[in-house]
Amino acid sequence: MKPYEGKTAVIVGKVLDDERLLDVPKLSVCALAVTETARARIEKSGGEVITFDQLALRSPTGENTMLLRGRKHQREVYRHFFGVAKNVKPYVRAKGRKFESARGRRASRGYKKKSA
């Protein structure tokens, strides 16, 4: 991690252990919560885990930090938004014959709406 040496990874969330990552590089991590196994692996590689209070004292302006986040549209509600998702999922009670199968959903019922 040459370009990130000397920087602190800041995660607003929980850091979990992932066994697929075979060797953990030496890094400084700041997070809301860290599991015991993830903390052990980070500290074993020579890194450190700090809290947001310690980060505020160490670099008040946020200098030498990288803010990491997960996927922006990960929540299930985004599957129902038109324009965000390709295959928009309607809010329905069930997927049976009598539900959401009227006009706009099939050509035999007047018209079929083309997906964008």
PDB file of N, CA and C in Angstrom:
ATOM      1  N   MET A   1       0.833  -1.185   0.000  1.00  0.00           N
ATOM      2  CA  MET A   1       0.000   0.000   0.000  1.00  0.00           C
ATOM      3  C   MET A   1       0.875   1.246   0.000  1.00  0.00           C
ATOM      4  N   LYS A   2       1.692   1.387  -1.031  1.00  0.00           N
ATOM      5  CA  LYS A   2       2.629   2.503  -1.125  1.00  0.00           C
ATOM      6  C   LYS A   2       1.960   3.873  -1.050  1.00  0.00           C
ATOM      7  N   PRO A   3       0.903   4.160  -1.858  1.00  0.00           N
ATOM      8  CA  PRO A   3       0.358   5.525  -1.803  1.00  0.00           C
ATOM      9  C   PRO A   3      -0.367   5.843  -0.510  1.00  0.00           C
ATOM     10  N   TYR A   4      -0.689   4.829   0.280  1.00  0.00           N
ATOM     11  CA  TYR A   4      -1.461   5.048   1.502  1.00  0.00           C
ATOM     12  C   TYR A   4      -0.628   4.902   2.771  1.00  0.00           C
ATOM     13  N   GLU A   5       0.673   4.806   2.643  1.00  0.00           N
ATOM     14  CA  GLU A   5       1.518   4.656   3.831  1.00  0.00           C
ATOM     15  C   GLU A   5       1.464   5.918   4.680  1.00  0.00           C
ATOM     16  N   GLY A   6       1.333   5.743   5.974  1.00  0.00           N
ATOM     17  CA  GLY A   6       1.284   6.870   6.890  1.00  0.00           C
ATOM     18  C   GLY A   6      -0.097   7.488   7.011  1.00  0.00           C
ATOM     19  N   LYS A   7      -1.095   6.936   6.314  1.00  0.00           N
ATOM     20  CA  LYS A   7      -2.452   7.470   6.385  1.00  0.00           C
ATOM     21  C   LYS A   7      -3.310   6.594   7.291  1.00  0.00           C
ATOM     22  N   THR A   8      -4.394   7.168   7.780  1.00  0.00           N
ATOM     23  CA  THR A   8      -5.317   6.457   8.642  1.00  0.00           C
ATOM     24  C   THR A   8      -6.603   6.181   7.871  1.00  0.00           C
ATOM     25  N   ALA A   9      -7.033   4.927   7.854  1.00  0.00           N
ATOM     26  CA  ALA A   9      -8.292   4.559   7.220  1.00  0.00           C
ATOM     27  C   ALA A   9      -9.423   4.835   8.202  1.00  0.00           C
ATOM     28  N   VAL A  10     -10.386   5.681   7.801  1.00  0.00           N
ATOM     29  CA  VAL A  10     -11.494   6.070   8.674  1.00  0.00           C
ATOM     30  C   VAL A  10     -12.765   5.410   8.138  1.00  0.00           C
ATOM     31  N   ILE A  11     -13.392   4.587   8.959  1.00  0.00           N
ATOM     32  CA  ILE A  11     -14.603   3.868   8.585  1.00  0.00           C
ATOM     33  C   ILE A  11     -15.702   4.228   9.570  1.00  0.00           C
ATOM     34  N   VAL A  12     -16.794   4.812   9.061  1.00  0.00           N
ATOM     35  CA  VAL A  12     -17.930   5.124   9.925  1.00  0.00           C
ATOM     36  C   VAL A  12     -18.834   3.894   9.911  1.00  0.00           C
ATOM     37  N   GLY A  13     -18.475   2.925  10.724  1.00  0.00           N
ATOM     38  CA  GLY A  13     -19.199   1.665  10.775  1.00  0.00           C
ATOM     39  C   GLY A  13     -18.376   0.651  11.532  1.00  0.00           C
ATOM     40  N   LYS A  14     -18.671  -0.620  11.285  1.00  0.00           N
ATOM     41  CA  LYS A  14     -18.007  -1.704  11.995  1.00  0.00           C
ATOM     42  C   LYS A  14     -17.030  -2.405  11.064  1.00  0.00           C
ATOM     43  N   VAL A  15     -15.824  -2.671  11.556  1.00  0.00           N
ATOM     44  CA  VAL A  15     -14.822  -3.396  10.788  1.00  0.00           C
ATOM     45  C   VAL A  15     -14.910  -4.860  11.172  1.00  0.00           C
ATOM     46  N   LEU A  16     -15.113  -5.720  10.157  1.00  0.00           N
ATOM     47  CA  LEU A  16     -15.249  -7.151  10.380  1.00  0.00           C
ATOM     48  C   LEU A  16     -14.036  -7.885   9.836  1.00  0.00           C
ATOM     49  N   ASP A  17     -13.799  -9.068  10.341  1.00  0.00           N
ATOM     50  CA  ASP A  17     -12.694  -9.896   9.875  1.00  0.00           C
ATOM     51  C   ASP A  17     -13.124 -10.640   8.615  1.00  0.00           C
ATOM     52  N   ASP A  18     -12.230 -10.703   7.635  1.00  0.00           N
ATOM     53  CA  ASP A  18     -12.507 -11.425   6.394  1.00  0.00           C
ATOM     54  C   ASP A  18     -11.358 -12.394   6.159  1.00  0.00           C
ATOM     55  N   GLU A  19     -11.644 -13.697   6.255  1.00  0.00           N
ATOM     56  CA  GLU A  19     -10.594 -14.702   6.111  1.00  0.00           C
ATOM     57  C   GLU A  19     -10.057 -14.788   4.690  1.00  0.00           C
ATOM     58  N   ARG A  20     -10.796 -14.227   3.706  1.00  0.00           N
ATOM     59  CA  ARG A  20     -10.317 -14.259   2.321  1.00  0.00           C
ATOM     60  C   ARG A  20      -9.108 -13.366   2.121  1.00  0.00           C
ATOM     61  N   LEU A  21      -8.935 -12.360   2.982  1.00  0.00           N
ATOM     62  CA  LEU A  21      -7.763 -11.490   2.939  1.00  0.00           C
ATOM     63  C   LEU A  21      -6.643 -12.194   3.694  1.00  0.00           C
ATOM     64  N   LEU A  22      -5.689 -12.754   2.936  1.00  0.00           N
ATOM     65  CA  LEU A  22      -4.679 -13.612   3.554  1.00  0.00           C
ATOM     66  C   LEU A  22      -3.686 -12.835   4.402  1.00  0.00           C
ATOM     67  N   ASP A  23      -3.125 -11.766   3.858  1.00  0.00           N
ATOM     68  CA  ASP A  23      -2.164 -10.993   4.655  1.00  0.00           C
ATOM     69  C   ASP A  23      -2.669  -9.559   4.778  1.00  0.00           C
ATOM     70  N   VAL A  24      -2.754  -9.095   6.013  1.00  0.00           N
ATOM     71  CA  VAL A  24      -3.245  -7.750   6.300  1.00  0.00           C
ATOM     72  C   VAL A  24      -2.042  -6.817   6.327  1.00  0.00           C
ATOM     73  N   PRO A  25      -2.063  -5.725   5.549  1.00  0.00           N
ATOM     74  CA  PRO A  25      -0.927  -4.798   5.582  1.00  0.00           C
ATOM     75  C   PRO A  25      -0.904  -3.990   6.881  1.00  0.00           C
ATOM     76  N   LYS A  26       0.245  -3.389   7.153  1.00  0.00           N
ATOM     77  CA  LYS A  26       0.376  -2.544   8.336  1.00  0.00           C
ATOM     78  C   LYS A  26      -0.382  -1.253   8.071  1.00  0.00           C
ATOM     79  N   LEU A  27      -1.457  -1.019   8.841  1.00  0.00           N
ATOM     80  CA  LEU A  27      -2.241   0.191   8.634  1.00  0.00           C
ATOM     81  C   LEU A  27      -2.874   0.641   9.921  1.00  0.00           C
ATOM     82  N   SER A  28      -3.234   1.912   9.934  1.00  0.00           N
ATOM     83  CA  SER A  28      -3.900   2.512  11.084  1.00  0.00           C
ATOM     84  C   SER A  28      -5.374   2.656  10.735  1.00  0.00           C
ATOM     85  N   VAL A  29      -6.243   2.136  11.586  1.00  0.00           N
ATOM     86  CA  VAL A  29      -7.675   2.104  11.313  1.00  0.00           C
ATOM     87  C   VAL A  29      -8.420   2.844  12.412  1.00  0.00           C
ATOM     88  N   CYS A  30      -9.360   3.692  11.997  1.00  0.00           N
ATOM     89  CA  CYS A  30     -10.245   4.376  12.931  1.00  0.00           C
ATOM     90  C   CYS A  30     -11.666   3.975  12.569  1.00  0.00           C
ATOM     91  N   ALA A  31     -12.409   3.396  13.513  1.00  0.00           N
ATOM     92  CA  ALA A  31     -13.761   2.928  13.211  1.00  0.00           C
ATOM     93  C   ALA A  31     -14.639   3.051  14.452  1.00  0.00           C
ATOM     94  N   LEU A  32     -15.946   2.982  14.217  1.00  0.00           N
ATOM     95  CA  LEU A  32     -16.892   3.008  15.331  1.00  0.00           C
ATOM     96  C   LEU A  32     -16.787   1.743  16.166  1.00  0.00           C
ATOM     97  N   ALA A  33     -16.630   0.584  15.492  1.00  0.00           N
ATOM     98  CA  ALA A  33     -16.523  -0.694  16.195  1.00  0.00           C
ATOM     99  C   ALA A  33     -15.643  -1.629  15.381  1.00  0.00           C
ATOM    100  N   VAL A  34     -14.912  -2.497  16.080  1.00  0.00           N
ATOM    101  CA  VAL A  34     -14.028  -3.464  15.437  1.00  0.00           C
ATOM    102  C   VAL A  34     -14.220  -4.796  16.158  1.00  0.00           C
ATOM    103  N   THR A  35     -14.377  -5.875  15.389  1.00  0.00           N
ATOM    104  CA  THR A  35     -14.509  -7.183  16.024  1.00  0.00           C
ATOM    105  C   THR A  35     -13.164  -7.603  16.600  1.00  0.00           C
ATOM    106  N   GLU A  36     -13.218  -8.528  17.551  1.00  0.00           N
ATOM    107  CA  GLU A  36     -11.985  -8.960  18.222  1.00  0.00           C
ATOM    108  C   GLU A  36     -11.000  -9.596  17.248  1.00  0.00           C
ATOM    109  N   THR A  37     -11.503 -10.424  16.323  1.00  0.00           N
ATOM    110  CA  THR A  37     -10.597 -11.098  15.380  1.00  0.00           C
ATOM    111  C   THR A  37      -9.986 -10.108  14.400  1.00  0.00           C
ATOM    112  N   ALA A  38     -10.760  -9.104  13.962  1.00  0.00           N
ATOM    113  CA  ALA A  38     -10.222  -8.089  13.053  1.00  0.00           C
ATOM    114  C   ALA A  38      -9.167  -7.253  13.766  1.00  0.00           C
ATOM    115  N   ARG A  39      -9.432  -6.896  15.029  1.00  0.00           N
ATOM    116  CA  ARG A  39      -8.453  -6.128  15.794  1.00  0.00           C
ATOM    117  C   ARG A  39      -7.161  -6.921  15.987  1.00  0.00           C
ATOM    118  N   ALA A  40      -7.286  -8.218  16.252  1.00  0.00           N
ATOM    119  CA  ALA A  40      -6.102  -9.048  16.461  1.00  0.00           C
ATOM    120  C   ALA A  40      -5.267  -9.129  15.189  1.00  0.00           C
ATOM    121  N   ARG A  41      -5.915  -9.279  14.035  1.00  0.00           N
ATOM    122  CA  ARG A  41      -5.174  -9.381  12.773  1.00  0.00           C
ATOM    123  C   ARG A  41      -4.497  -8.071  12.408  1.00  0.00           C
ATOM    124  N   ILE A  42      -5.163  -6.930  12.670  1.00  0.00           N
ATOM    125  CA  ILE A  42      -4.569  -5.624  12.358  1.00  0.00           C
ATOM    126  C   ILE A  42      -3.364  -5.369  13.248  1.00  0.00           C
ATOM    127  N   GLU A  43      -3.509  -5.671  14.549  1.00  0.00           N
ATOM    128  CA  GLU A  43      -2.406  -5.427  15.479  1.00  0.00           C
ATOM    129  C   GLU A  43      -1.267  -6.419  15.284  1.00  0.00           C
ATOM    130  N   LYS A  44      -1.571  -7.636  14.830  1.00  0.00           N
ATOM    131  CA  LYS A  44      -0.533  -8.632  14.566  1.00  0.00           C
ATOM    132  C   LYS A  44       0.372  -8.198  13.415  1.00  0.00           C
ATOM    133  N   SER A  45      -0.207  -7.492  12.436  1.00  0.00           N
ATOM    134  CA  SER A  45       0.580  -7.046  11.289  1.00  0.00           C
ATOM    135  C   SER A  45       1.343  -5.752  11.568  1.00  0.00           C
ATOM    136  N   GLY A  46       1.228  -5.219  12.782  1.00  0.00           N
ATOM    137  CA  GLY A  46       1.955  -4.008  13.140  1.00  0.00           C
ATOM    138  C   GLY A  46       1.112  -2.748  13.043  1.00  0.00           C
ATOM    139  N   GLY A  47      -0.155  -2.883  12.748  1.00  0.00           N
ATOM    140  CA  GLY A  47      -1.045  -1.735  12.644  1.00  0.00           C
ATOM    141  C   GLY A  47      -1.654  -1.381  13.979  1.00  0.00           C
ATOM    142  N   GLU A  48      -2.583  -0.426  13.943  1.00  0.00           N
ATOM    143  CA  GLU A  48      -3.233   0.000  15.176  1.00  0.00           C
ATOM    144  C   GLU A  48      -4.691   0.321  14.891  1.00  0.00           C
ATOM    145  N   VAL A  49      -5.515   0.204  15.932  1.00  0.00           N
ATOM    146  CA  VAL A  49      -6.931   0.542  15.854  1.00  0.00           C
ATOM    147  C   VAL A  49      -7.179   1.658  16.854  1.00  0.00           C
ATOM    148  N   ILE A  50      -7.736   2.780  16.359  1.00  0.00           N
ATOM    149  CA  ILE A  50      -7.974   3.921  17.238  1.00  0.00           C
ATOM    150  C   ILE A  50      -9.457   4.310  17.157  1.00  0.00           C
ATOM    151  N   THR A  51      -9.883   5.123  18.115  1.00  0.00           N
ATOM    152  CA  THR A  51     -11.265   5.598  18.136  1.00  0.00           C
ATOM    153  C   THR A  51     -11.323   6.976  17.474  1.00  0.00           C
ATOM    154  N   PHE A  52     -12.548   7.471  17.282  1.00  0.00           N
ATOM    155  CA  PHE A  52     -12.707   8.793  16.685  1.00  0.00           C
ATOM    156  C   PHE A  52     -12.208   9.898  17.613  1.00  0.00           C
ATOM    157  N   ASP A  53     -12.273   9.678  18.931  1.00  0.00           N
ATOM    158  CA  ASP A  53     -11.739  10.659  19.878  1.00  0.00           C
ATOM    159  C   ASP A  53     -10.223  10.784  19.724  1.00  0.00           C
ATOM    160  N   GLN A  54      -9.559   9.644  19.594  1.00  0.00           N
ATOM    161  CA  GLN A  54      -8.107   9.651  19.402  1.00  0.00           C
ATOM    162  C   GLN A  54      -7.732  10.267  18.058  1.00  0.00           C
ATOM    163  N   LEU A  55      -8.554  10.014  17.038  1.00  0.00           N
ATOM    164  CA  LEU A  55      -8.300  10.600  15.720  1.00  0.00           C
ATOM    165  C   LEU A  55      -8.441  12.124  15.759  1.00  0.00           C
ATOM    166  N   ALA A  56      -9.433  12.624  16.505  1.00  0.00           N
ATOM    167  CA  ALA A  56      -9.634  14.066  16.613  1.00  0.00           C
ATOM    168  C   ALA A  56      -8.452  14.746  17.298  1.00  0.00           C
ATOM    169  N   LEU A  57      -7.842  14.062  18.268  1.00  0.00           N
ATOM    170  CA  LEU A  57      -6.663  14.622  18.927  1.00  0.00           C
ATOM    171  C   LEU A  57      -5.433  14.527  18.032  1.00  0.00           C
ATOM    172  N   ARG A  58      -5.325  13.457  17.284  1.00  0.00           N
ATOM    173  CA  ARG A  58      -4.148  13.231  16.441  1.00  0.00           C
ATOM    174  C   ARG A  58      -4.124  14.143  15.225  1.00  0.00           C
ATOM    175  N   SER A  59      -5.254  14.243  14.521  1.00  0.00           N
ATOM    176  CA  SER A  59      -5.316  15.121  13.345  1.00  0.00           C
ATOM    177  C   SER A  59      -6.668  15.830  13.318  1.00  0.00           C
ATOM    178  N   PRO A  60      -6.757  16.980  13.954  1.00  0.00           N
ATOM    179  CA  PRO A  60      -8.032  17.694  14.061  1.00  0.00           C
ATOM    180  C   PRO A  60      -8.595  18.133  12.712  1.00  0.00           C
ATOM    181  N   THR A  61      -7.732  18.381  11.724  1.00  0.00           N
ATOM    182  CA  THR A  61      -8.205  18.843  10.415  1.00  0.00           C
ATOM    183  C   THR A  61      -8.496  17.682   9.468  1.00  0.00           C
ATOM    184  N   GLY A  62      -8.219  16.460   9.883  1.00  0.00           N
ATOM    185  CA  GLY A  62      -8.440  15.305   9.019  1.00  0.00           C
ATOM    186  C   GLY A  62      -7.316  15.070   8.040  1.00  0.00           C
ATOM    187  N   GLU A  63      -6.154  15.586   8.359  1.00  0.00           N
ATOM    188  CA  GLU A  63      -4.988  15.435   7.480  1.00  0.00           C
ATOM    189  C   GLU A  63      -4.474  13.993   7.543  1.00  0.00           C
ATOM    190  N   ASN A  64      -4.042  13.463   6.395  1.00  0.00           N
ATOM    191  CA  ASN A  64      -3.520  12.091   6.261  1.00  0.00           C
ATOM    192  C   ASN A  64      -4.559  11.038   6.663  1.00  0.00           C
ATOM    193  N   THR A  65      -5.793  11.239   6.260  1.00  0.00           N
ATOM    194  CA  THR A  65      -6.837  10.255   6.513  1.00  0.00           C
ATOM    195  C   THR A  65      -7.549   9.914   5.200  1.00  0.00           C
ATOM    196  N   MET A  66      -8.065   8.692   5.123  1.00  0.00           N
ATOM    197  CA  MET A  66      -8.869   8.249   3.979  1.00  0.00           C
ATOM    198  C   MET A  66     -10.226   7.835   4.523  1.00  0.00           C
ATOM    199  N   LEU A  67     -11.283   8.421   4.002  1.00  0.00           N
ATOM    200  CA  LEU A  67     -12.631   8.076   4.434  1.00  0.00           C
ATOM    201  C   LEU A  67     -13.149   6.964   3.537  1.00  0.00           C
ATOM    202  N   LEU A  68     -13.470   5.809   4.120  1.00  0.00           N
ATOM    203  CA  LEU A  68     -13.953   4.657   3.369  1.00  0.00           C
ATOM    204  C   LEU A  68     -15.428   4.447   3.656  1.00  0.00           C
ATOM    205  N   ARG A  69     -16.152   3.965   2.644  1.00  0.00           N
ATOM    206  CA  ARG A  69     -17.570   3.685   2.835  1.00  0.00           C
ATOM    207  C   ARG A  69     -17.958   2.498   1.969  1.00  0.00           C
ATOM    208  N   GLY A  70     -19.121   1.936   2.276  1.00  0.00           N
ATOM    209  CA  GLY A  70     -19.623   0.813   1.497  1.00  0.00           C
ATOM    210  C   GLY A  70     -20.402   1.302   0.287  1.00  0.00           C
ATOM    211  N   ARG A  71     -21.168   0.407  -0.318  1.00  0.00           N
ATOM    212  CA  ARG A  71     -21.959   0.760  -1.487  1.00  0.00           C
ATOM    213  C   ARG A  71     -23.039   1.765  -1.122  1.00  0.00           C
ATOM    214  N   LYS A  72     -23.222   2.760  -1.982  1.00  0.00           N
ATOM    215  CA  LYS A  72     -24.148   3.836  -1.700  1.00  0.00           C
ATOM    216  C   LYS A  72     -25.601   3.375  -1.786  1.00  0.00           C
ATOM    217  N   HIS A  73     -25.937   2.567  -2.780  1.00  0.00           N
ATOM    218  CA  HIS A  73     -27.309   2.127  -2.992  1.00  0.00           C
ATOM    219  C   HIS A  73     -27.482   0.665  -2.588  1.00  0.00           C
ATOM    220  N   GLN A  74     -26.998   0.302  -1.422  1.00  0.00           N
ATOM    221  CA  GLN A  74     -27.061  -1.071  -0.957  1.00  0.00           C
ATOM    222  C   GLN A  74     -28.414  -1.416  -0.345  1.00  0.00           C
ATOM    223  N   ARG A  75     -29.117  -0.421   0.204  1.00  0.00           N
ATOM    224  CA  ARG A  75     -30.371  -0.695   0.890  1.00  0.00           C
ATOM    225  C   ARG A  75     -31.409  -1.299  -0.043  1.00  0.00           C
ATOM    226  N   GLU A  76     -32.279  -2.122   0.487  1.00  0.00           N
ATOM    227  CA  GLU A  76     -33.289  -2.822  -0.295  1.00  0.00           C
ATOM    228  C   GLU A  76     -34.282  -1.867  -0.942  1.00  0.00           C
ATOM    229  N   VAL A  77     -34.484  -0.701  -0.338  1.00  0.00           N
ATOM    230  CA  VAL A  77     -35.460   0.253  -0.858  1.00  0.00           C
ATOM    231  C   VAL A  77     -35.049   0.776  -2.232  1.00  0.00           C
ATOM    232  N   TYR A  78     -33.764   0.795  -2.546  1.00  0.00           N
ATOM    233  CA  TYR A  78     -33.305   1.302  -3.837  1.00  0.00           C
ATOM    234  C   TYR A  78     -33.703   0.391  -4.990  1.00  0.00           C
ATOM    235  N   ARG A  79     -34.101  -0.836  -4.725  1.00  0.00           N
ATOM    236  CA  ARG A  79     -34.544  -1.733  -5.783  1.00  0.00           C
ATOM    237  C   ARG A  79     -35.882  -1.308  -6.352  1.00  0.00           C
ATOM    238  N   HIS A  80     -36.609  -0.453  -5.639  1.00  0.00           N
ATOM    239  CA  HIS A  80     -37.929  -0.032  -6.064  1.00  0.00           C
ATOM    240  C   HIS A  80     -37.927   1.327  -6.749  1.00  0.00           C
ATOM    241  N   PHE A  81     -36.763   1.997  -6.839  1.00  0.00           N
ATOM    242  CA  PHE A  81     -36.703   3.331  -7.427  1.00  0.00           C
ATOM    243  C   PHE A  81     -36.532   3.245  -8.930  1.00  0.00           C
ATOM    244  N   PHE A  82     -37.337   3.985  -9.667  1.00  0.00           N
ATOM    245  CA  PHE A  82     -37.171   4.070 -11.114  1.00  0.00           C
ATOM    246  C   PHE A  82     -35.983   4.964 -11.412  1.00  0.00           C
ATOM    247  N   GLY A  83     -35.147   4.553 -12.333  1.00  0.00           N
ATOM    248  CA  GLY A  83     -33.993   5.347 -12.718  1.00  0.00           C
ATOM    249  C   GLY A  83     -32.720   4.928 -12.021  1.00  0.00           C
ATOM    250  N   VAL A  84     -32.817   4.418 -10.824  1.00  0.00           N
ATOM    251  CA  VAL A  84     -31.615   3.980 -10.102  1.00  0.00           C
ATOM    252  C   VAL A  84     -31.278   2.552 -10.476  1.00  0.00           C
ATOM    253  N   ALA A  85     -32.278   1.684 -10.444  1.00  0.00           N
ATOM    254  CA  ALA A  85     -32.059   0.271 -10.743  1.00  0.00           C
ATOM    255  C   ALA A  85     -32.530  -0.041 -12.156  1.00  0.00           C
ATOM    256  N   LYS A  86     -31.946  -1.060 -12.745  1.00  0.00           N
ATOM    257  CA  LYS A  86     -32.338  -1.455 -14.095  1.00  0.00           C
ATOM    258  C   LYS A  86     -33.643  -2.248 -14.059  1.00  0.00           C
ATOM    259  N   ASN A  87     -33.704  -3.262 -13.246  1.00  0.00           N
ATOM    260  CA  ASN A  87     -34.910  -4.065 -13.105  1.00  0.00           C
ATOM    261  C   ASN A  87     -35.634  -3.611 -11.850  1.00  0.00           C
ATOM    262  N   VAL A  88     -36.602  -2.728 -12.024  1.00  0.00           N
ATOM    263  CA  VAL A  88     -37.291  -2.140 -10.884  1.00  0.00           C
ATOM    264  C   VAL A  88     -38.294  -3.144 -10.335  1.00  0.00           C
ATOM    265  N   LYS A  89     -38.270  -3.277  -9.030  1.00  0.00           N
ATOM    266  CA  LYS A  89     -39.085  -4.264  -8.337  1.00  0.00           C
ATOM    267  C   LYS A  89     -40.320  -3.575  -7.768  1.00  0.00           C
ATOM    268  N   PRO A  90     -41.523  -3.953  -8.162  1.00  0.00           N
ATOM    269  CA  PRO A  90     -42.706  -3.284  -7.621  1.00  0.00           C
ATOM    270  C   PRO A  90     -43.005  -3.744  -6.195  1.00  0.00           C
ATOM    271  N   TYR A  91     -43.648  -2.865  -5.448  1.00  0.00           N
ATOM    272  CA  TYR A  91     -44.119  -3.236  -4.123  1.00  0.00           C
ATOM    273  C   TYR A  91     -45.420  -4.024  -4.300  1.00  0.00           C
ATOM    274  N   VAL A  92     -45.401  -5.323  -4.072  1.00  0.00           N
ATOM    275  CA  VAL A  92     -46.594  -6.150  -4.236  1.00  0.00           C
ATOM    276  C   VAL A  92     -46.764  -7.035  -3.018  1.00  0.00           C
ATOM    277  N   ARG A  93     -48.022  -7.462  -2.810  1.00  0.00           N
ATOM    278  CA  ARG A  93     -48.295  -8.375  -1.704  1.00  0.00           C
ATOM    279  C   ARG A  93     -47.774  -9.762  -2.010  1.00  0.00           C
ATOM    280  N   ALA A  94     -47.963 -10.186  -3.284  1.00  0.00           N
ATOM    281  CA  ALA A  94     -47.554 -11.529  -3.679  1.00  0.00           C
ATOM    282  C   ALA A  94     -47.190 -11.518  -5.159  1.00  0.00           C
ATOM    283  N   LYS A  95     -46.630 -12.614  -5.654  1.00  0.00           N
ATOM    284  CA  LYS A  95     -46.238 -12.701  -7.053  1.00  0.00           C
ATOM    285  C   LYS A  95     -47.183 -13.576  -7.864  1.00  0.00           C
ATOM    286  N   GLY A  96     -48.397 -13.771  -7.349  1.00  0.00           N
ATOM    287  CA  GLY A  96     -49.345 -14.677  -7.998  1.00  0.00           C
ATOM    288  C   GLY A  96     -49.996 -14.101  -9.244  1.00  0.00           C
ATOM    289  N   ARG A  97     -50.954 -14.832  -9.780  1.00  0.00           N
ATOM    290  CA  ARG A  97     -51.635 -14.499 -11.023  1.00  0.00           C
ATOM    291  C   ARG A  97     -52.429 -13.191 -10.922  1.00  0.00           C
ATOM    292  N   LYS A  98     -52.978 -12.881  -9.742  1.00  0.00           N
ATOM    293  CA  LYS A  98     -53.882 -11.744  -9.609  1.00  0.00           C
ATOM    294  C   LYS A  98     -53.204 -10.451  -9.157  1.00  0.00           C
ATOM    295  N   PHE A  99     -51.884 -10.417  -9.038  1.00  0.00           N
ATOM    296  CA  PHE A  99     -51.209  -9.262  -8.474  1.00  0.00           C
ATOM    297  C   PHE A  99     -50.303  -8.594  -9.516  1.00  0.00           C
ATOM    298  N   GLU A 100     -50.455  -7.273  -9.678  1.00  0.00           N
ATOM    299  CA  GLU A 100     -49.595  -6.460 -10.544  1.00  0.00           C
ATOM    300  C   GLU A 100     -49.475  -7.038 -11.943  1.00  0.00           C
ATOM    301  N   SER A 101     -50.573  -7.419 -12.536  1.00  0.00           N
ATOM    302  CA  SER A 101     -50.508  -7.972 -13.886  1.00  0.00           C
ATOM    303  C   SER A 101     -51.455  -7.246 -14.832  1.00  0.00           C
ATOM    304  N   ALA A 102     -51.799  -5.987 -14.522  1.00  0.00           N
ATOM    305  CA  ALA A 102     -52.781  -5.263 -15.317  1.00  0.00           C
ATOM    306  C   ALA A 102     -52.098  -4.369 -16.354  1.00  0.00           C
ATOM    307  N   ARG A 103     -52.757  -3.232 -16.681  1.00  0.00           N
ATOM    308  CA  ARG A 103     -52.267  -2.356 -17.736  1.00  0.00           C
ATOM    309  C   ARG A 103     -50.847  -1.868 -17.458  1.00  0.00           C
ATOM    310  N   GLY A 104     -50.040  -1.902 -18.504  1.00  0.00           N
ATOM    311  CA  GLY A 104     -48.669  -1.441 -18.383  1.00  0.00           C
ATOM    312  C   GLY A 104     -47.685  -2.547 -18.087  1.00  0.00           C
ATOM    313  N   ARG A 105     -48.178  -3.666 -17.600  1.00  0.00           N
ATOM    314  CA  ARG A 105     -47.299  -4.783 -17.262  1.00  0.00           C
ATOM    315  C   ARG A 105     -47.231  -5.829 -18.375  1.00  0.00           C
ATOM    316  N   ARG A 106     -48.283  -5.915 -19.219  1.00  0.00           N
ATOM    317  CA  ARG A 106     -48.280  -6.898 -20.307  1.00  0.00           C
ATOM    318  C   ARG A 106     -49.053  -6.356 -21.493  1.00  0.00           C
ATOM    319  N   ALA A 107     -48.627  -6.759 -22.686  1.00  0.00           N
ATOM    320  CA  ALA A 107     -49.189  -6.229 -23.924  1.00  0.00           C
ATOM    321  C   ALA A 107     -50.648  -6.619 -24.104  1.00  0.00           C
ATOM    322  N   SER A 108     -51.054  -7.760 -23.573  1.00  0.00           N
ATOM    323  CA  SER A 108     -52.435  -8.209 -23.744  1.00  0.00           C
ATOM    324  C   SER A 108     -53.422  -7.420 -22.901  1.00  0.00           C
ATOM    325  N   ARG A 109     -52.943  -6.553 -22.010  1.00  0.00           N
ATOM    326  CA  ARG A 109     -53.821  -5.747 -21.167  1.00  0.00           C
ATOM    327  C   ARG A 109     -53.723  -4.265 -21.538  1.00  0.00           C
ATOM    328  N   GLY A 110     -53.776  -3.963 -22.815  1.00  0.00           N
ATOM    329  CA  GLY A 110     -53.772  -2.566 -23.244  1.00  0.00           C
ATOM    330  C   GLY A 110     -52.444  -2.132 -23.824  1.00  0.00           C
ATOM    331  N   TYR A 111     -51.378  -2.136 -23.015  1.00  0.00           N
ATOM    332  CA  TYR A 111     -50.052  -1.760 -23.504  1.00  0.00           C
ATOM    333  C   TYR A 111     -49.017  -2.331 -22.556  1.00  0.00           C
ATOM    334  N   LYS A 112     -47.776  -2.404 -23.016  1.00  0.00           N
ATOM    335  CA  LYS A 112     -46.675  -2.832 -22.166  1.00  0.00           C
ATOM    336  C   LYS A 112     -45.681  -1.696 -22.082  1.00  0.00           C
ATOM    337  N   LYS A 113     -45.354  -1.249 -20.881  1.00  0.00           N
ATOM    338  CA  LYS A 113     -44.418  -0.159 -20.694  1.00  0.00           C
ATOM    339  C   LYS A 113     -43.015  -0.645 -20.995  1.00  0.00           C
ATOM    340  N   LYS A 114     -42.303   0.109 -21.824  1.00  0.00           N
ATOM    341  CA  LYS A 114     -40.941  -0.270 -22.180  1.00  0.00           C
ATOM    342  C   LYS A 114     -40.003   0.145 -21.050  1.00  0.00           C
ATOM    343  N   SER A 115     -39.087  -0.740 -20.686  1.00  0.00           N
ATOM    344  CA  SER A 115     -38.145  -0.421 -19.616  1.00  0.00           C
ATOM    345  C   SER A 115     -37.027   0.448 -20.179  1.00  0.00           C
ATOM    346  N   ALA A 116     -36.591   1.404 -19.383  1.00  0.00           N
ATOM    347  CA  ALA A 116     -35.565   2.345 -19.841  1.00  0.00           C
ATOM    348  C   ALA A 116     -34.185   1.832 -19.588  1.00  0.00           C
TER     349      ALA A 116
END
